[in-house]
Amino acid sequence: MKLKFAKMHGLGNDFVVIDAINQRFDARPELVKSWADRFDGIGFDQMLIVEKPLSDAAVFSYRIYNADGGEVSQCGNGARCFARFVREQGLTDLDVIPVETNTGLLKLEAIDSTHYRVDMGVPQFEPADIPLRAEQREDLYNTEFDGREISFSALAIGNPHMVIQVIDVKNAELETMGPYFEAHMMFPERANIGFMQVIDRETFKLRVFERGVGETLACGSGACAAMSVGVQLGLLDANAKAILLGGELNLEWQGNANPVMMTGATAMVYQGEIEYE
């Protein structure tokens, strides 16, 4: 049979989006990995699946698979593309769309035809909630890499995140530190590794090595994690702009038990069909 899909991106972070309400689809890890291949498949960072909700609190269920076939709980750029997809496909006409994820309810809001705002939830800093193997919560943790001491922050915002402050993101050791810390034993569920350069109180640059993917042009949850760290450490104001390789995101976090709000652009690249058994 032929399976319909859409190819989309948010700031260059690219996705295949599949309507699994009006067509049957089983996201097997080996299938996801095969289709994610940029030479022999469709090519994408993540696969996003639209399903029926399990509760009356949501309109859809939102599932996410990384390019390596592993399922994850959050993708901020993907959430914006998800919202645009369900509206353009006529699956809903709501301006504010509640969707279920593995870690709770997300609210996706249409700003215009291409820009969407996402309530990314409340950042979690307690080690058990990340999860992080640490004796107690710290604003900055210390570890070693290549014989040097590295300071970092850790939190969960849908996914586990490690945030390392750098002087210049262009010179960040992402190619070596990224895969090393992604699979480090202190992160039992692995982690996204962000390299953050604070420009001023309203601006920061960010590069992210995503677990199961590698470096992407943008990472929405990574930007929210870095924003949370910046506010927590007193480096950023409650409203700030994240500059990523693929573009910019506008972020807001009032601290404490408030959610991080993220606004950014989306793009529909093309729609197609692929053979599926």
Protein backbone atom coordinates (compact mmCIF):
# COMPACT_ATOMS: atom_id res chain seq x y z
CA MET A 1 0.00 0.00 0.00
CA LYS A 2 1.00 3.62 -0.40
CA LEU A 3 1.33 5.76 2.73
CA LYS A 4 0.81 9.52 2.48
CA PHE A 5 3.21 11.83 4.34
CA ALA A 6 4.31 15.46 4.50
CA LYS A 7 7.89 16.70 4.65
CA MET A 8 8.16 19.80 6.88
CA HIS A 9 10.77 21.72 8.83
CA GLY A 10 11.06 24.21 11.65
CA LEU A 11 14.21 26.34 11.22
CA GLY A 12 15.82 23.50 9.25
CA ASN A 13 15.02 20.81 11.84
CA ASP A 14 13.18 18.52 9.42
CA PHE A 15 10.38 16.02 9.85
CA VAL A 16 8.16 13.53 8.15
CA VAL A 17 4.60 13.94 9.43
CA ILE A 18 2.11 11.07 9.08
CA ASP A 19 -1.65 11.11 9.58
CA ALA A 20 -2.26 7.81 11.40
CA ILE A 21 -5.93 8.63 11.97
CA ASN A 22 -7.10 8.28 8.37
CA GLN A 23 -4.57 5.64 7.36
CA ARG A 24 -3.09 2.64 9.13
CA PHE A 25 0.53 2.96 10.22
CA ASP A 26 2.82 1.10 12.63
CA ALA A 27 6.03 3.01 13.40
CA ARG A 28 8.48 0.13 13.73
CA PRO A 29 11.96 1.34 14.81
CA GLU A 30 13.74 -0.36 11.90
CA LEU A 31 11.28 1.23 9.45
CA VAL A 32 11.75 4.70 10.93
CA LYS A 33 15.54 4.33 10.75
CA SER A 34 15.35 3.17 7.12
CA TRP A 35 13.11 6.03 6.00
CA ALA A 36 15.25 8.57 7.90
CA ASP A 37 18.27 7.72 5.72
CA ARG A 38 19.03 10.75 3.54
CA PHE A 39 20.39 8.62 0.67
CA ASP A 40 18.16 5.55 0.56
CA GLY A 41 15.06 6.91 2.30
CA ILE A 42 13.07 10.13 2.64
CA GLY A 43 15.55 11.74 5.03
CA PHE A 44 14.56 13.49 8.26
CA ASP A 45 15.61 14.26 11.83
CA GLN A 46 12.34 13.04 13.37
CA MET A 47 9.12 11.32 12.39
CA LEU A 48 5.93 12.86 13.81
CA ILE A 49 2.76 10.80 14.03
CA VAL A 50 -0.78 12.16 14.40
CA GLU A 51 -3.05 9.75 16.28
CA LYS A 52 -6.40 9.81 18.04
CA PRO A 53 -6.20 10.97 21.68
CA LEU A 54 -6.65 8.63 24.62
CA SER A 55 -8.49 11.21 26.74
CA ASP A 56 -11.09 13.95 26.27
CA ALA A 57 -8.54 16.59 27.31
CA ALA A 58 -6.79 16.45 23.92
CA VAL A 59 -7.73 16.55 20.25
CA PHE A 60 -4.77 14.46 19.08
CA SER A 61 -2.02 12.23 20.37
CA TYR A 62 1.49 13.27 19.28
CA ARG A 63 4.26 10.67 18.94
CA ILE A 64 7.87 11.37 17.98
CA TYR A 65 10.61 9.06 16.69
CA ASN A 66 14.23 10.08 16.23
CA ALA A 67 16.21 9.15 13.13
CA ASP A 68 17.71 6.13 14.93
CA GLY A 69 14.23 4.68 15.46
CA GLY A 70 13.99 5.51 19.17
CA GLU A 71 10.81 7.10 20.49
CA VAL A 72 11.15 10.37 22.44
CA SER A 73 8.73 12.55 24.38
CA GLN A 74 9.24 16.10 23.13
CA CYS A 75 10.25 18.08 20.05
CA GLY A 76 9.49 21.78 20.05
CA ASN A 77 10.13 22.45 16.36
CA GLY A 78 8.13 19.34 15.59
CA ALA A 79 5.24 20.53 17.74
CA ARG A 80 4.87 23.67 15.63
CA CYS A 81 4.97 21.61 12.42
CA PHE A 82 2.45 19.18 13.91
CA ALA A 83 0.05 22.08 14.57
CA ARG A 84 0.38 23.44 11.05
CA PHE A 85 -0.07 19.96 9.56
CA VAL A 86 -3.33 19.13 11.34
CA ARG A 87 -4.82 22.51 10.42
CA GLU A 88 -3.74 22.40 6.75
CA GLN A 89 -4.93 18.80 6.40
CA GLY A 90 -8.36 19.78 7.70
CA LEU A 91 -8.09 17.59 10.79
CA THR A 92 -9.02 20.55 13.02
CA ASP A 93 -9.88 24.23 12.69
CA LEU A 94 -8.94 25.11 16.26
CA ASP A 95 -6.54 28.01 16.87
CA VAL A 96 -5.41 26.43 20.16
CA ILE A 97 -4.85 22.70 19.85
CA PRO A 98 -4.38 20.48 22.94
CA VAL A 99 -2.34 17.33 22.15
CA GLU A 100 -1.21 14.38 24.26
CA THR A 101 2.47 13.44 24.52
CA ASN A 102 4.32 10.82 26.56
CA THR A 103 5.01 13.45 29.20
CA GLY A 104 1.66 15.23 29.36
CA LEU A 105 -0.52 17.73 27.55
CA LEU A 106 0.84 20.30 25.07
CA LYS A 107 -1.06 23.34 23.84
CA LEU A 108 -0.23 24.49 20.31
CA GLU A 109 -1.40 27.94 19.21
CA ALA A 110 -1.63 29.33 15.68
CA ILE A 111 -0.24 32.88 15.41
CA ASP A 112 -0.65 33.05 11.62
CA SER A 113 -0.45 30.57 8.74
CA THR A 114 3.24 29.79 9.31
CA HIS A 115 4.06 30.81 12.90
CA TYR A 116 2.99 28.82 15.94
CA ARG A 117 3.37 29.19 19.71
CA VAL A 118 3.89 26.17 21.94
CA ASP A 119 3.45 25.74 25.67
CA MET A 120 6.46 23.49 26.28
CA GLY A 121 5.65 22.74 29.90
CA VAL A 122 7.47 23.42 33.15
CA PRO A 123 11.21 22.66 33.22
CA GLN A 124 12.24 20.01 35.75
CA PHE A 125 15.57 20.48 37.55
CA GLU A 126 15.44 17.70 40.16
CA PRO A 127 17.91 14.91 39.23
CA ALA A 128 15.27 12.17 39.57
CA ASP A 129 13.00 14.00 37.12
CA ILE A 130 15.61 14.46 34.38
CA PRO A 131 16.85 11.67 35.02
CA LEU A 132 20.41 12.45 36.13
CA ARG A 133 22.60 10.39 38.41
CA ALA A 134 23.49 13.02 41.02
CA GLU A 135 23.27 13.15 44.80
CA GLN A 136 21.42 16.48 44.88
CA ARG A 137 20.18 19.26 42.68
CA GLU A 138 22.74 21.87 41.63
CA ASP A 139 22.58 24.92 39.38
CA LEU A 140 25.93 23.81 37.99
CA TYR A 141 27.35 20.30 38.04
CA ASN A 142 30.94 19.32 37.36
CA THR A 143 32.35 16.44 35.37
CA GLU A 144 35.45 15.64 33.33
CA PHE A 145 36.12 15.49 29.62
CA ASP A 146 39.51 14.79 28.06
CA GLY A 147 41.27 15.53 31.36
CA ARG A 148 39.48 18.85 31.89
CA GLU A 149 36.76 19.87 34.33
CA ILE A 150 33.48 20.77 32.61
CA SER A 151 30.66 22.71 34.29
CA PHE A 152 27.12 22.13 33.04
CA SER A 153 23.46 22.49 33.90
CA ALA A 154 20.92 19.69 33.58
CA LEU A 155 17.14 19.63 33.34
CA ALA A 156 14.22 17.97 31.60
CA ILE A 157 11.72 19.74 29.41
CA GLY A 158 10.07 16.79 27.74
CA ASN A 159 13.54 15.33 27.08
CA PRO A 160 16.70 15.23 29.24
CA HIS A 161 19.06 18.12 28.47
CA MET A 162 22.64 19.00 29.35
CA VAL A 163 23.52 22.68 28.79
CA ILE A 164 27.17 23.76 28.59
CA GLN A 165 28.04 27.46 28.47
CA VAL A 166 30.71 28.37 25.90
CA ILE A 167 32.46 31.57 24.85
CA ASP A 168 31.74 31.04 21.14
CA VAL A 169 29.38 28.38 19.75
CA LYS A 170 31.36 28.29 16.50
CA ASN A 171 34.29 26.80 18.41
CA ALA A 172 32.25 24.46 20.63
CA GLU A 173 33.57 20.90 20.76
CA LEU A 174 30.22 19.53 19.63
CA GLU A 175 31.60 16.76 17.42
CA THR A 176 33.46 15.15 20.33
CA MET A 177 31.64 16.28 23.48
CA GLY A 178 28.18 15.79 21.97
CA PRO A 179 28.25 12.02 21.45
CA TYR A 180 30.37 11.51 24.57
CA PHE A 181 27.90 13.16 26.95
CA GLU A 182 24.78 12.02 25.06
CA ALA A 183 25.59 8.45 26.09
CA HIS A 184 27.30 9.23 29.42
CA MET A 185 26.38 6.98 32.33
CA MET A 186 25.11 9.98 34.34
CA PHE A 187 22.19 10.19 31.87
CA PRO A 188 20.45 6.79 32.06
CA GLU A 189 18.03 7.76 29.26
CA ARG A 190 20.71 9.64 27.29
CA ALA A 191 20.42 13.40 26.76
CA ASN A 192 20.43 16.26 24.26
CA ILE A 193 23.65 18.24 24.61
CA GLY A 194 23.38 22.00 24.15
CA PHE A 195 26.23 24.50 23.75
CA MET A 196 25.03 27.96 24.78
CA GLN A 197 26.66 31.37 24.19
CA VAL A 198 24.98 34.26 26.01
CA ILE A 199 25.18 37.45 23.92
CA ASP A 200 23.20 39.75 26.23
CA ARG A 201 20.25 39.50 28.58
CA GLU A 202 17.82 39.07 25.71
CA THR A 203 19.83 37.00 23.23
CA PHE A 204 21.77 33.75 23.13
CA LYS A 205 23.23 31.47 20.49
CA LEU A 206 22.83 27.70 20.64
CA ARG A 207 24.03 24.53 18.95
CA VAL A 208 22.57 21.17 19.95
CA PHE A 209 23.68 17.57 19.57
CA GLU A 210 20.38 15.67 19.75
CA ARG A 211 20.26 12.14 21.10
CA GLY A 212 19.64 9.63 18.35
CA VAL A 213 20.14 12.25 15.61
CA GLY A 214 23.36 14.25 15.96
CA GLU A 215 23.64 17.99 15.40
CA THR A 216 20.50 19.55 13.94
CA LEU A 217 19.95 23.02 12.50
CA ALA A 218 17.59 23.78 15.38
CA CYS A 219 16.27 22.10 18.52
CA GLY A 220 13.15 23.62 20.07
CA SER A 221 13.27 21.78 23.38
CA GLY A 222 17.02 22.47 23.52
CA ALA A 223 16.38 26.19 23.10
CA CYS A 224 13.79 26.06 25.90
CA ALA A 225 16.24 24.19 28.11
CA ALA A 226 18.98 26.76 27.49
CA MET A 227 16.51 29.60 28.11
CA SER A 228 15.53 28.02 31.44
CA VAL A 229 19.15 27.68 32.48
CA GLY A 230 19.90 31.27 31.49
CA VAL A 231 17.00 32.61 33.57
CA GLN A 232 17.81 30.29 36.48
CA LEU A 233 21.42 31.51 36.57
CA GLY A 234 20.42 35.17 36.24
CA LEU A 235 21.98 35.53 32.79
CA LEU A 236 18.80 36.07 30.75
CA ASP A 237 15.59 38.06 31.14
CA ALA A 238 12.17 36.39 31.08
CA ASN A 239 11.85 37.10 27.34
CA ALA A 240 14.76 36.20 25.09
CA LYS A 241 15.67 35.23 21.54
CA ALA A 242 17.51 32.01 20.68
CA ILE A 243 19.71 32.14 17.58
CA LEU A 244 20.20 28.67 16.12
CA LEU A 245 21.90 27.51 12.93
CA GLY A 246 18.54 27.38 11.14
CA GLY A 247 16.99 30.59 12.45
CA GLU A 248 15.50 32.25 15.53
CA LEU A 249 13.01 31.33 18.24
CA ASN A 250 11.27 33.69 20.64
CA LEU A 251 11.09 32.33 24.19
CA GLU A 252 9.46 33.29 27.46
CA TRP A 253 9.91 31.83 30.94
CA GLN A 254 8.74 33.57 34.12
CA GLY A 255 10.54 31.05 36.32
CA ASN A 256 9.38 28.72 39.10
CA ALA A 257 6.39 26.56 38.11
CA ASN A 258 5.57 28.48 34.93
CA PRO A 259 5.80 26.82 31.51
CA VAL A 260 8.29 27.86 28.84
CA MET A 261 6.56 29.43 25.83
CA MET A 262 8.17 29.12 22.41
CA THR A 263 7.21 30.88 19.15
CA GLY A 264 8.70 30.23 15.74
CA ALA A 265 8.21 29.59 12.03
CA THR A 266 7.30 26.42 10.15
CA ALA A 267 7.63 25.35 6.52
CA MET A 268 5.80 22.80 4.38
CA VAL A 269 8.36 21.38 1.95
CA TYR A 270 6.31 18.83 0.00
CA GLN A 271 3.74 16.06 0.32
CA GLY A 272 4.26 12.57 -1.06
CA GLU A 273 3.60 8.85 -0.88
CA ILE A 274 5.85 5.93 -0.01
CA GLU A 275 5.41 2.17 -0.32
CA TYR A 276 4.48 0.64 3.03
CA GLU A 277 3.66 -2.92 4.07
